[in-house]
Amino acid sequence: TQISKSTGSSTMVLLYSRTKELSPERLEMFTQFSREQGLT
């Protein structure tokens, strides 16, 4: 999600799962994609 408001803009990335746990590969995919969006 790209969020724009009067004070500026921000980025948010969410990882959803059908269960309360996900494989390490999916967690790494989320982390990698977040980094690609410029998040530390």
PDB file of all heavy atoms in Angstrom:
ATOM      1  N   THR A   1       0.835  -1.198   0.000  1.00  0.00           N
ATOM      2  CA  THR A   1       0.000   0.000   0.000  1.00  0.00           C
ATOM      3  C   THR A   1       0.867   1.243   0.000  1.00  0.00           C
ATOM      4  O   THR A   1       1.792   1.359   0.813  1.00  0.00           O
ATOM      5  CB  THR A   1      -0.920   0.015   1.248  1.00  0.00           C
ATOM      6  OG1 THR A   1      -1.683  -1.179   1.272  1.00  0.00           O
ATOM      7  CG2 THR A   1      -1.845   1.209   1.228  1.00  0.00           C
ATOM      8  N   GLN A   2       0.571   2.158  -0.921  1.00  0.00           N
ATOM      9  CA  GLN A   2       1.171   3.489  -0.921  1.00  0.00           C
ATOM     10  C   GLN A   2       0.160   4.398  -0.230  1.00  0.00           C
ATOM     11  O   GLN A   2      -1.002   4.449  -0.637  1.00  0.00           O
ATOM     12  CB  GLN A   2       1.419   3.986  -2.342  1.00  0.00           C
ATOM     13  CG  GLN A   2       2.529   3.273  -3.074  1.00  0.00           C
ATOM     14  CD  GLN A   2       3.883   3.522  -2.456  1.00  0.00           C
ATOM     15  OE1 GLN A   2       4.569   2.586  -2.101  1.00  0.00           O
ATOM     16  NE2 GLN A   2       4.287   4.762  -2.314  1.00  0.00           N
ATOM     17  N   ILE A   3       0.586   5.099   0.816  1.00  0.00           N
ATOM     18  CA  ILE A   3      -0.298   5.955   1.598  1.00  0.00           C
ATOM     19  C   ILE A   3       0.140   7.399   1.407  1.00  0.00           C
ATOM     20  O   ILE A   3       1.307   7.726   1.584  1.00  0.00           O
ATOM     21  CB  ILE A   3      -0.247   5.569   3.092  1.00  0.00           C
ATOM     22  CG1 ILE A   3      -0.611   4.087   3.249  1.00  0.00           C
ATOM     23  CG2 ILE A   3      -1.172   6.462   3.916  1.00  0.00           C
ATOM     24  CD1 ILE A   3      -0.267   3.491   4.589  1.00  0.00           C
ATOM     25  N   SER A   4      -0.831   8.250   1.035  1.00  0.00           N
ATOM     26  CA  SER A   4      -0.553   9.678   0.846  1.00  0.00           C
ATOM     27  C   SER A   4      -1.442  10.480   1.778  1.00  0.00           C
ATOM     28  O   SER A   4      -2.644  10.240   1.856  1.00  0.00           O
ATOM     29  CB  SER A   4      -0.854  10.098  -0.588  1.00  0.00           C
ATOM     30  OG  SER A   4      -0.130   9.311  -1.495  1.00  0.00           O
ATOM     31  N   LYS A   5      -0.821  11.413   2.484  1.00  0.00           N
ATOM     32  CA  LYS A   5      -1.601  12.360   3.287  1.00  0.00           C
ATOM     33  C   LYS A   5      -0.885  13.698   3.270  1.00  0.00           C
ATOM     34  O   LYS A   5       0.208  13.822   2.718  1.00  0.00           O
ATOM     35  CB  LYS A   5      -1.844  11.843   4.700  1.00  0.00           C
ATOM     36  CG  LYS A   5      -0.631  11.441   5.488  1.00  0.00           C
ATOM     37  CD  LYS A   5      -1.066  10.863   6.822  1.00  0.00           C
ATOM     38  CE  LYS A   5       0.122  10.446   7.652  1.00  0.00           C
ATOM     39  NZ  LYS A   5      -0.278   9.904   8.931  1.00  0.00           N
ATOM     40  N   SER A   6      -1.499  14.697   3.868  1.00  0.00           N
ATOM     41  CA  SER A   6      -0.973  16.052   3.776  1.00  0.00           C
ATOM     42  C   SER A   6       0.441  16.175   4.341  1.00  0.00           C
ATOM     43  O   SER A   6       1.208  17.019   3.905  1.00  0.00           O
ATOM     44  CB  SER A   6      -1.906  17.032   4.495  1.00  0.00           C
ATOM     45  OG  SER A   6      -2.046  16.637   5.852  1.00  0.00           O
ATOM     46  N   THR A   7       0.812  15.316   5.278  1.00  0.00           N
ATOM     47  CA  THR A   7       2.137  15.398   5.897  1.00  0.00           C
ATOM     48  C   THR A   7       3.199  14.603   5.148  1.00  0.00           C
ATOM     49  O   THR A   7       4.345  14.565   5.559  1.00  0.00           O
ATOM     50  CB  THR A   7       2.071  14.905   7.358  1.00  0.00           C
ATOM     51  OG1 THR A   7       1.524  13.583   7.370  1.00  0.00           O
ATOM     52  CG2 THR A   7       1.204  15.815   8.213  1.00  0.00           C
ATOM     53  N   GLY A   8       2.810  13.916   4.061  1.00  0.00           N
ATOM     54  CA  GLY A   8       3.774  13.149   3.282  1.00  0.00           C
ATOM     55  C   GLY A   8       3.222  11.788   2.895  1.00  0.00           C
ATOM     56  O   GLY A   8       2.035  11.514   3.077  1.00  0.00           O
ATOM     57  N   SER A   9       4.096  10.942   2.374  1.00  0.00           N
ATOM     58  CA  SER A   9       3.649   9.618   1.937  1.00  0.00           C
ATOM     59  C   SER A   9       4.469   8.544   2.639  1.00  0.00           C
ATOM     60  O   SER A   9       5.553   8.800   3.157  1.00  0.00           O
ATOM     61  CB  SER A   9       3.762   9.486   0.423  1.00  0.00           C
ATOM     62  OG  SER A   9       5.108   9.593   0.036  1.00  0.00           O
ATOM     63  N   SER A  10       3.900   7.338   2.656  1.00  0.00           N
ATOM     64  CA  SER A  10       4.595   6.206   3.257  1.00  0.00           C
ATOM     65  C   SER A  10       4.212   4.937   2.510  1.00  0.00           C
ATOM     66  O   SER A  10       3.280   4.928   1.705  1.00  0.00           O
ATOM     67  CB  SER A  10       4.261   6.081   4.751  1.00  0.00           C
ATOM     68  OG  SER A  10       2.881   5.899   4.948  1.00  0.00           O
ATOM     69  N   THR A  11       4.948   3.885   2.798  1.00  0.00           N
ATOM     70  CA  THR A  11       4.725   2.579   2.190  1.00  0.00           C
ATOM     71  C   THR A  11       4.421   1.579   3.292  1.00  0.00           C
ATOM     72  O   THR A  11       5.022   1.635   4.367  1.00  0.00           O
ATOM     73  CB  THR A  11       5.985   2.130   1.428  1.00  0.00           C
ATOM     74  OG1 THR A  11       6.266   3.085   0.405  1.00  0.00           O
ATOM     75  CG2 THR A  11       5.805   0.757   0.802  1.00  0.00           C
ATOM     76  N   MET A  12       3.489   0.670   3.007  1.00  0.00           N
ATOM     77  CA  MET A  12       3.190  -0.402   3.945  1.00  0.00           C
ATOM     78  C   MET A  12       3.085  -1.702   3.159  1.00  0.00           C
ATOM     79  O   MET A  12       2.494  -1.737   2.090  1.00  0.00           O
ATOM     80  CB  MET A  12       1.882  -0.125   4.681  1.00  0.00           C
ATOM     81  CG  MET A  12       1.539  -1.182   5.710  1.00  0.00           C
ATOM     82  SD  MET A  12       0.122  -0.744   6.759  1.00  0.00           S
ATOM     83  CE  MET A  12      -1.190  -0.702   5.554  1.00  0.00           C
ATOM     84  N   VAL A  13       3.681  -2.765   3.697  1.00  0.00           N
ATOM     85  CA  VAL A  13       3.592  -4.093   3.089  1.00  0.00           C
ATOM     86  C   VAL A  13       3.033  -5.034   4.148  1.00  0.00           C
ATOM     87  O   VAL A  13       3.492  -5.037   5.297  1.00  0.00           O
ATOM     88  CB  VAL A  13       4.971  -4.593   2.603  1.00  0.00           C
ATOM     89  CG1 VAL A  13       4.859  -5.995   2.013  1.00  0.00           C
ATOM     90  CG2 VAL A  13       5.572  -3.628   1.587  1.00  0.00           C
ATOM     91  N   LEU A  14       2.022  -5.812   3.770  1.00  0.00           N
ATOM     92  CA  LEU A  14       1.403  -6.788   4.667  1.00  0.00           C
ATOM     93  C   LEU A  14       1.550  -8.185   4.097  1.00  0.00           C
ATOM     94  O   LEU A  14       1.399  -8.373   2.888  1.00  0.00           O
ATOM     95  CB  LEU A  14      -0.086  -6.488   4.826  1.00  0.00           C
ATOM     96  CG  LEU A  14      -0.483  -5.514   5.931  1.00  0.00           C
ATOM     97  CD1 LEU A  14      -1.876  -4.987   5.684  1.00  0.00           C
ATOM     98  CD2 LEU A  14      -0.406  -6.180   7.289  1.00  0.00           C
ATOM     99  N   LEU A  15       1.828  -9.132   4.969  1.00  0.00           N
ATOM    100  CA  LEU A  15       1.845 -10.538   4.586  1.00  0.00           C
ATOM    101  C   LEU A  15       0.715 -11.226   5.344  1.00  0.00           C
ATOM    102  O   LEU A  15       0.701 -11.245   6.579  1.00  0.00           O
ATOM    103  CB  LEU A  15       3.182 -11.192   4.943  1.00  0.00           C
ATOM    104  CG  LEU A  15       3.276 -12.690   4.655  1.00  0.00           C
ATOM    105  CD1 LEU A  15       3.127 -12.982   3.159  1.00  0.00           C
ATOM    106  CD2 LEU A  15       4.596 -13.254   5.185  1.00  0.00           C
ATOM    107  N   TYR A  16      -0.247 -11.746   4.598  1.00  0.00           N
ATOM    108  CA  TYR A  16      -1.373 -12.471   5.177  1.00  0.00           C
ATOM    109  C   TYR A  16      -1.162 -13.969   4.988  1.00  0.00           C
ATOM    110  O   TYR A  16      -0.552 -14.398   4.022  1.00  0.00           O
ATOM    111  CB  TYR A  16      -2.682 -12.091   4.480  1.00  0.00           C
ATOM    112  CG  TYR A  16      -3.168 -10.692   4.758  1.00  0.00           C
ATOM    113  CD1 TYR A  16      -3.144  -9.726   3.761  1.00  0.00           C
ATOM    114  CD2 TYR A  16      -3.686 -10.345   6.006  1.00  0.00           C
ATOM    115  CE1 TYR A  16      -3.613  -8.445   4.003  1.00  0.00           C
ATOM    116  CE2 TYR A  16      -4.155  -9.060   6.245  1.00  0.00           C
ATOM    117  CZ  TYR A  16      -4.118  -8.117   5.241  1.00  0.00           C
ATOM    118  OH  TYR A  16      -4.584  -6.851   5.491  1.00  0.00           O
ATOM    119  N   SER A  17      -1.737 -14.739   5.916  1.00  0.00           N
ATOM    120  CA  SER A  17      -1.678 -16.196   5.829  1.00  0.00           C
ATOM    121  C   SER A  17      -3.038 -16.766   6.221  1.00  0.00           C
ATOM    122  O   SER A  17      -3.745 -16.183   7.045  1.00  0.00           O
ATOM    123  CB  SER A  17      -0.605 -16.724   6.789  1.00  0.00           C
ATOM    124  OG  SER A  17      -0.633 -18.137   6.844  1.00  0.00           O
ATOM    125  N   ARG A  18      -3.391 -17.897   5.660  1.00  0.00           N
ATOM    126  CA  ARG A  18      -4.643 -18.569   6.038  1.00  0.00           C
ATOM    127  C   ARG A  18      -4.511 -19.250   7.402  1.00  0.00           C
ATOM    128  O   ARG A  18      -5.502 -19.550   8.038  1.00  0.00           O
ATOM    129  CB  ARG A  18      -5.036 -19.602   4.980  1.00  0.00           C
ATOM    130  CG  ARG A  18      -5.415 -19.016   3.642  1.00  0.00           C
ATOM    131  CD  ARG A  18      -6.736 -18.288   3.679  1.00  0.00           C
ATOM    132  NE  ARG A  18      -7.153 -17.919   2.327  1.00  0.00           N
ATOM    133  CZ  ARG A  18      -8.232 -17.222   2.058  1.00  0.00           C
ATOM    134  NH1 ARG A  18      -9.006 -16.791   3.038  1.00  0.00           N
ATOM    135  NH2 ARG A  18      -8.541 -16.923   0.812  1.00  0.00           N
ATOM    136  N   THR A  19      -3.264 -19.491   7.843  1.00  0.00           N
ATOM    137  CA  THR A  19      -3.005 -20.083   9.155  1.00  0.00           C
ATOM    138  C   THR A  19      -2.116 -19.126   9.949  1.00  0.00           C
ATOM    139  O   THR A  19      -1.610 -18.149   9.396  1.00  0.00           O
ATOM    140  CB  THR A  19      -2.303 -21.447   9.021  1.00  0.00           C
ATOM    141  OG1 THR A  19      -1.035 -21.239   8.377  1.00  0.00           O
ATOM    142  CG2 THR A  19      -3.134 -22.433   8.211  1.00  0.00           C
ATOM    143  N   LYS A  20      -1.907 -19.420  11.217  1.00  0.00           N
ATOM    144  CA  LYS A  20      -1.114 -18.522  12.065  1.00  0.00           C
ATOM    145  C   LYS A  20       0.395 -18.671  11.868  1.00  0.00           C
ATOM    146  O   LYS A  20       1.163 -17.980  12.520  1.00  0.00           O
ATOM    147  CB  LYS A  20      -1.476 -18.724  13.538  1.00  0.00           C
ATOM    148  CG  LYS A  20      -2.864 -18.219  13.867  1.00  0.00           C
ATOM    149  CD  LYS A  20      -3.124 -18.269  15.361  1.00  0.00           C
ATOM    150  CE  LYS A  20      -4.476 -17.661  15.678  1.00  0.00           C
ATOM    151  NZ  LYS A  20      -4.686 -17.564  17.121  1.00  0.00           N
ATOM    152  N   GLU A  21       0.799 -19.573  10.977  1.00  0.00           N
ATOM    153  CA  GLU A  21       2.230 -19.741  10.702  1.00  0.00           C
ATOM    154  C   GLU A  21       2.445 -19.897   9.201  1.00  0.00           C
ATOM    155  O   GLU A  21       1.584 -20.415   8.499  1.00  0.00           O
ATOM    156  CB  GLU A  21       2.773 -20.966  11.437  1.00  0.00           C
ATOM    157  CG  GLU A  21       2.757 -20.802  12.936  1.00  0.00           C
ATOM    158  CD  GLU A  21       3.363 -21.990  13.656  1.00  0.00           C
ATOM    159  OE1 GLU A  21       4.030 -22.817  13.003  1.00  0.00           O
ATOM    160  OE2 GLU A  21       3.172 -22.083  14.872  1.00  0.00           O
ATOM    161  N   LEU A  22       3.602 -19.427   8.744  1.00  0.00           N
ATOM    162  CA  LEU A  22       3.981 -19.568   7.341  1.00  0.00           C
ATOM    163  C   LEU A  22       5.395 -20.126   7.263  1.00  0.00           C
ATOM    164  O   LEU A  22       6.179 -19.983   8.195  1.00  0.00           O
ATOM    165  CB  LEU A  22       3.947 -18.209   6.635  1.00  0.00           C
ATOM    166  CG  LEU A  22       2.684 -17.834   5.888  1.00  0.00           C
ATOM    167  CD1 LEU A  22       2.822 -16.444   5.286  1.00  0.00           C
ATOM    168  CD2 LEU A  22       2.321 -18.822   4.816  1.00  0.00           C
ATOM    169  N   SER A  23       5.715 -20.699   6.131  1.00  0.00           N
ATOM    170  CA  SER A  23       7.052 -21.271   5.934  1.00  0.00           C
ATOM    171  C   SER A  23       8.114 -20.170   5.941  1.00  0.00           C
ATOM    172  O   SER A  23       7.833 -19.016   5.607  1.00  0.00           O
ATOM    173  CB  SER A  23       7.103 -22.009   4.595  1.00  0.00           C
ATOM    174  OG  SER A  23       7.055 -21.072   3.528  1.00  0.00           O
ATOM    175  N   PRO A  24       9.351 -20.528   6.310  1.00  0.00           N
ATOM    176  CA  PRO A  24      10.449 -19.561   6.268  1.00  0.00           C
ATOM    177  C   PRO A  24      10.631 -18.958   4.874  1.00  0.00           C
ATOM    178  O   PRO A  24      11.008 -17.792   4.743  1.00  0.00           O
ATOM    179  CB  PRO A  24      11.673 -20.385   6.674  1.00  0.00           C
ATOM    180  CG  PRO A  24      11.117 -21.535   7.454  1.00  0.00           C
ATOM    181  CD  PRO A  24       9.766 -21.812   6.859  1.00  0.00           C
ATOM    182  N   GLU A  25      10.330 -19.724   3.823  1.00  0.00           N
ATOM    183  CA  GLU A  25      10.466 -19.209   2.450  1.00  0.00           C
ATOM    184  C   GLU A  25       9.491 -18.057   2.191  1.00  0.00           C
ATOM    185  O   GLU A  25       9.839 -17.064   1.552  1.00  0.00           O
ATOM    186  CB  GLU A  25      10.230 -20.323   1.425  1.00  0.00           C
ATOM    187  CG  GLU A  25      11.274 -21.425   1.427  1.00  0.00           C
ATOM    188  CD  GLU A  25      11.086 -22.458   2.540  1.00  0.00           C
ATOM    189  OE1 GLU A  25       9.974 -22.566   3.105  1.00  0.00           O
ATOM    190  OE2 GLU A  25      12.072 -23.144   2.856  1.00  0.00           O
ATOM    191  N   ARG A  26       8.260 -18.184   2.690  1.00  0.00           N
ATOM    192  CA  ARG A  26       7.260 -17.114   2.517  1.00  0.00           C
ATOM    193  C   ARG A  26       7.641 -15.883   3.337  1.00  0.00           C
ATOM    194  O   ARG A  26       7.480 -14.765   2.880  1.00  0.00           O
ATOM    195  CB  ARG A  26       5.866 -17.600   2.915  1.00  0.00           C
ATOM    196  CG  ARG A  26       5.342 -18.725   2.051  1.00  0.00           C
ATOM    197  CD  ARG A  26       5.013 -18.255   0.653  1.00  0.00           C
ATOM    198  NE  ARG A  26       4.425 -19.364  -0.098  1.00  0.00           N
ATOM    199  CZ  ARG A  26       4.653 -19.600  -1.358  1.00  0.00           C
ATOM    200  NH1 ARG A  26       5.463 -18.814  -2.047  1.00  0.00           N
ATOM    201  NH2 ARG A  26       4.078 -20.604  -1.965  1.00  0.00           N
ATOM    202  N   LEU A  27       8.161 -16.107   4.542  1.00  0.00           N
ATOM    203  CA  LEU A  27       8.598 -14.979   5.372  1.00  0.00           C
ATOM    204  C   LEU A  27       9.756 -14.246   4.706  1.00  0.00           C
ATOM    205  O   LEU A  27       9.806 -13.007   4.701  1.00  0.00           O
ATOM    206  CB  LEU A  27       9.001 -15.468   6.768  1.00  0.00           C
ATOM    207  CG  LEU A  27       7.896 -16.120   7.597  1.00  0.00           C
ATOM    208  CD1 LEU A  27       8.463 -16.642   8.919  1.00  0.00           C
ATOM    209  CD2 LEU A  27       6.737 -15.177   7.835  1.00  0.00           C
ATOM    210  N   GLU A  28      10.671 -15.004   4.099  1.00  0.00           N
ATOM    211  CA  GLU A  28      11.806 -14.395   3.396  1.00  0.00           C
ATOM    212  C   GLU A  28      11.325 -13.629   2.163  1.00  0.00           C
ATOM    213  O   GLU A  28      11.845 -12.553   1.852  1.00  0.00           O
ATOM    214  CB  GLU A  28      12.830 -15.466   3.012  1.00  0.00           C
ATOM    215  CG  GLU A  28      14.044 -14.929   2.265  1.00  0.00           C
ATOM    216  CD  GLU A  28      14.815 -13.847   3.015  1.00  0.00           C
ATOM    217  OE1 GLU A  28      14.844 -13.858   4.262  1.00  0.00           O
ATOM    218  OE2 GLU A  28      15.378 -12.961   2.343  1.00  0.00           O
ATOM    219  N   MET A  29      10.324 -14.160   1.452  1.00  0.00           N
ATOM    220  CA  MET A  29       9.751 -13.470   0.299  1.00  0.00           C
ATOM    221  C   MET A  29       9.192 -12.105   0.727  1.00  0.00           C
ATOM    222  O   MET A  29       9.429 -11.090   0.077  1.00  0.00           O
ATOM    223  CB  MET A  29       8.633 -14.324  -0.312  1.00  0.00           C
ATOM    224  CG  MET A  29       7.844 -13.656  -1.414  1.00  0.00           C
ATOM    225  SD  MET A  29       6.270 -14.503  -1.770  1.00  0.00           S
ATOM    226  CE  MET A  29       5.359 -14.148  -0.277  1.00  0.00           C
ATOM    227  N   PHE A  30       8.478 -12.074   1.854  1.00  0.00           N
ATOM    228  CA  PHE A  30       7.923 -10.834   2.409  1.00  0.00           C
ATOM    229  C   PHE A  30       9.043  -9.845   2.757  1.00  0.00           C
ATOM    230  O   PHE A  30       8.984  -8.671   2.392  1.00  0.00           O
ATOM    231  CB  PHE A  30       7.079 -11.169   3.648  1.00  0.00           C
ATOM    232  CG  PHE A  30       6.853 -10.016   4.575  1.00  0.00           C
ATOM    233  CD1 PHE A  30       5.974  -8.995   4.242  1.00  0.00           C
ATOM    234  CD2 PHE A  30       7.512  -9.952   5.795  1.00  0.00           C
ATOM    235  CE1 PHE A  30       5.762  -7.930   5.104  1.00  0.00           C
ATOM    236  CE2 PHE A  30       7.311  -8.901   6.660  1.00  0.00           C
ATOM    237  CZ  PHE A  30       6.430  -7.883   6.319  1.00  0.00           C
ATOM    238  N   THR A  31      10.070 -10.334   3.445  1.00  0.00           N
ATOM    239  CA  THR A  31      11.188  -9.478   3.841  1.00  0.00           C
ATOM    240  C   THR A  31      11.898  -8.917   2.615  1.00  0.00           C
ATOM    241  O   THR A  31      12.189  -7.720   2.538  1.00  0.00           O
ATOM    242  CB  THR A  31      12.179 -10.270   4.722  1.00  0.00           C
ATOM    243  OG1 THR A  31      11.472 -10.733   5.881  1.00  0.00           O
ATOM    244  CG2 THR A  31      13.351  -9.426   5.149  1.00  0.00           C
ATOM    245  N   GLN A  32      12.153  -9.766   1.635  1.00  0.00           N
ATOM    246  CA  GLN A  32      12.849  -9.338   0.423  1.00  0.00           C
ATOM    247  C   GLN A  32      12.028  -8.309  -0.348  1.00  0.00           C
ATOM    248  O   GLN A  32      12.558  -7.295  -0.798  1.00  0.00           O
ATOM    249  CB  GLN A  32      13.165 -10.551  -0.461  1.00  0.00           C
ATOM    250  CG  GLN A  32      14.080 -10.236  -1.621  1.00  0.00           C
ATOM    251  CD  GLN A  32      15.417  -9.656  -1.164  1.00  0.00           C
ATOM    252  OE1 GLN A  32      16.011 -10.114  -0.196  1.00  0.00           O
ATOM    253  NE2 GLN A  32      15.885  -8.632  -1.849  1.00  0.00           N
ATOM    254  N   PHE A  33      10.729  -8.556  -0.517  1.00  0.00           N
ATOM    255  CA  PHE A  33       9.876  -7.613  -1.233  1.00  0.00           C
ATOM    256  C   PHE A  33       9.826  -6.274  -0.490  1.00  0.00           C
ATOM    257  O   PHE A  33       9.880  -5.208  -1.114  1.00  0.00           O
ATOM    258  CB  PHE A  33       8.458  -8.169  -1.411  1.00  0.00           C
ATOM    259  CG  PHE A  33       7.546  -7.202  -2.108  1.00  0.00           C
ATOM    260  CD1 PHE A  33       7.595  -7.050  -3.490  1.00  0.00           C
ATOM    261  CD2 PHE A  33       6.651  -6.415  -1.387  1.00  0.00           C
ATOM    262  CE1 PHE A  33       6.783  -6.135  -4.138  1.00  0.00           C
ATOM    263  CE2 PHE A  33       5.835  -5.498  -2.027  1.00  0.00           C
ATOM    264  CZ  PHE A  33       5.896  -5.363  -3.404  1.00  0.00           C
ATOM    265  N   SER A  34       9.746  -6.315   0.836  1.00  0.00           N
ATOM    266  CA  SER A  34       9.718  -5.079   1.625  1.00  0.00           C
ATOM    267  C   SER A  34      10.991  -4.269   1.410  1.00  0.00           C
ATOM    268  O   SER A  34      10.942  -3.047   1.243  1.00  0.00           O
ATOM    269  CB  SER A  34       9.534  -5.400   3.113  1.00  0.00           C
ATOM    270  OG  SER A  34       8.296  -6.045   3.332  1.00  0.00           O
ATOM    271  N   ARG A  35      12.129  -4.960   1.388  1.00  0.00           N
ATOM    272  CA  ARG A  35      13.403  -4.273   1.117  1.00  0.00           C
ATOM    273  C   ARG A  35      13.404  -3.655  -0.282  1.00  0.00           C
ATOM    274  O   ARG A  35      13.915  -2.555  -0.482  1.00  0.00           O
ATOM    275  CB  ARG A  35      14.568  -5.252   1.256  1.00  0.00           C
ATOM    276  CG  ARG A  35      14.869  -5.647   2.676  1.00  0.00           C
ATOM    277  CD  ARG A  35      16.007  -6.655   2.720  1.00  0.00           C
ATOM    278  NE  ARG A  35      16.252  -7.127   4.075  1.00  0.00           N
ATOM    279  CZ  ARG A  35      16.600  -8.368   4.373  1.00  0.00           C
ATOM    280  NH1 ARG A  35      16.754  -9.272   3.414  1.00  0.00           N
ATOM    281  NH2 ARG A  35      16.798  -8.716   5.620  1.00  0.00           N
ATOM    282  N   GLU A  36      12.832  -4.372  -1.254  1.00  0.00           N
ATOM    283  CA  GLU A  36      12.764  -3.844  -2.627  1.00  0.00           C
ATOM    284  C   GLU A  36      11.902  -2.580  -2.703  1.00  0.00           C
ATOM    285  O   GLU A  36      12.075  -1.758  -3.610  1.00  0.00           O
ATOM    286  CB  GLU A  36      12.196  -4.907  -3.580  1.00  0.00           C
ATOM    287  CG  GLU A  36      13.147  -6.055  -3.834  1.00  0.00           C
ATOM    288  CD  GLU A  36      12.475  -7.236  -4.537  1.00  0.00           C
ATOM    289  OE1 GLU A  36      11.312  -7.112  -4.968  1.00  0.00           O
ATOM    290  OE2 GLU A  36      13.135  -8.292  -4.641  1.00  0.00           O
ATOM    291  N   GLN A  37      10.991  -2.410  -1.754  1.00  0.00           N
ATOM    292  CA  GLN A  37      10.151  -1.210  -1.699  1.00  0.00           C
ATOM    293  C   GLN A  37      10.844  -0.082  -0.941  1.00  0.00           C
ATOM    294  O   GLN A  37      10.244   0.961  -0.683  1.00  0.00           O
ATOM    295  CB  GLN A  37       8.793  -1.526  -1.058  1.00  0.00           C
ATOM    296  CG  GLN A  37       7.997  -2.595  -1.782  1.00  0.00           C
ATOM    297  CD  GLN A  37       7.903  -2.331  -3.274  1.00  0.00           C
ATOM    298  OE1 GLN A  37       7.422  -1.283  -3.706  1.00  0.00           O
ATOM    299  NE2 GLN A  37       8.375  -3.277  -4.081  1.00  0.00           N
ATOM    300  N   GLY A  38      12.098  -0.305  -0.553  1.00  0.00           N
ATOM    301  CA  GLY A  38      12.875   0.732   0.117  1.00  0.00           C
ATOM    302  C   GLY A  38      12.769   0.708   1.630  1.00  0.00           C
ATOM    303  O   GLY A  38      13.249   1.628   2.294  1.00  0.00           O
ATOM    304  N   LEU A  39      12.163  -0.337   2.193  1.00  0.00           N
ATOM    305  CA  LEU A  39      12.033  -0.428   3.646  1.00  0.00           C
ATOM    306  C   LEU A  39      13.275  -1.092   4.237  1.00  0.00           C
ATOM    307  O   LEU A  39      13.858  -1.984   3.638  1.00  0.00           O
ATOM    308  CB  LEU A  39      10.770  -1.210   4.009  1.00  0.00           C
ATOM    309  CG  LEU A  39       9.468  -0.578   3.489  1.00  0.00           C
ATOM    310  CD1 LEU A  39       8.292  -1.513   3.693  1.00  0.00           C
ATOM    311  CD2 LEU A  39       9.214   0.761   4.153  1.00  0.00           C
ATOM    312  N   THR A  40      13.666  -0.625   5.420  1.00  0.00           N
ATOM    313  CA  THR A  40      14.846  -1.161   6.094  1.00  0.00           C
ATOM    314  C   THR A  40      14.440  -2.291   7.041  1.00  0.00           C
ATOM    315  O   THR A  40      13.258  -2.455   7.359  1.00  0.00           O
ATOM    316  CB  THR A  40      15.549  -0.064   6.909  1.00  0.00           C
ATOM    317  OG1 THR A  40      14.667   0.347   7.968  1.00  0.00           O
ATOM    318  CG2 THR A  40      15.908   1.139   6.033  1.00  0.00           C
TER     319      THR A  40
END
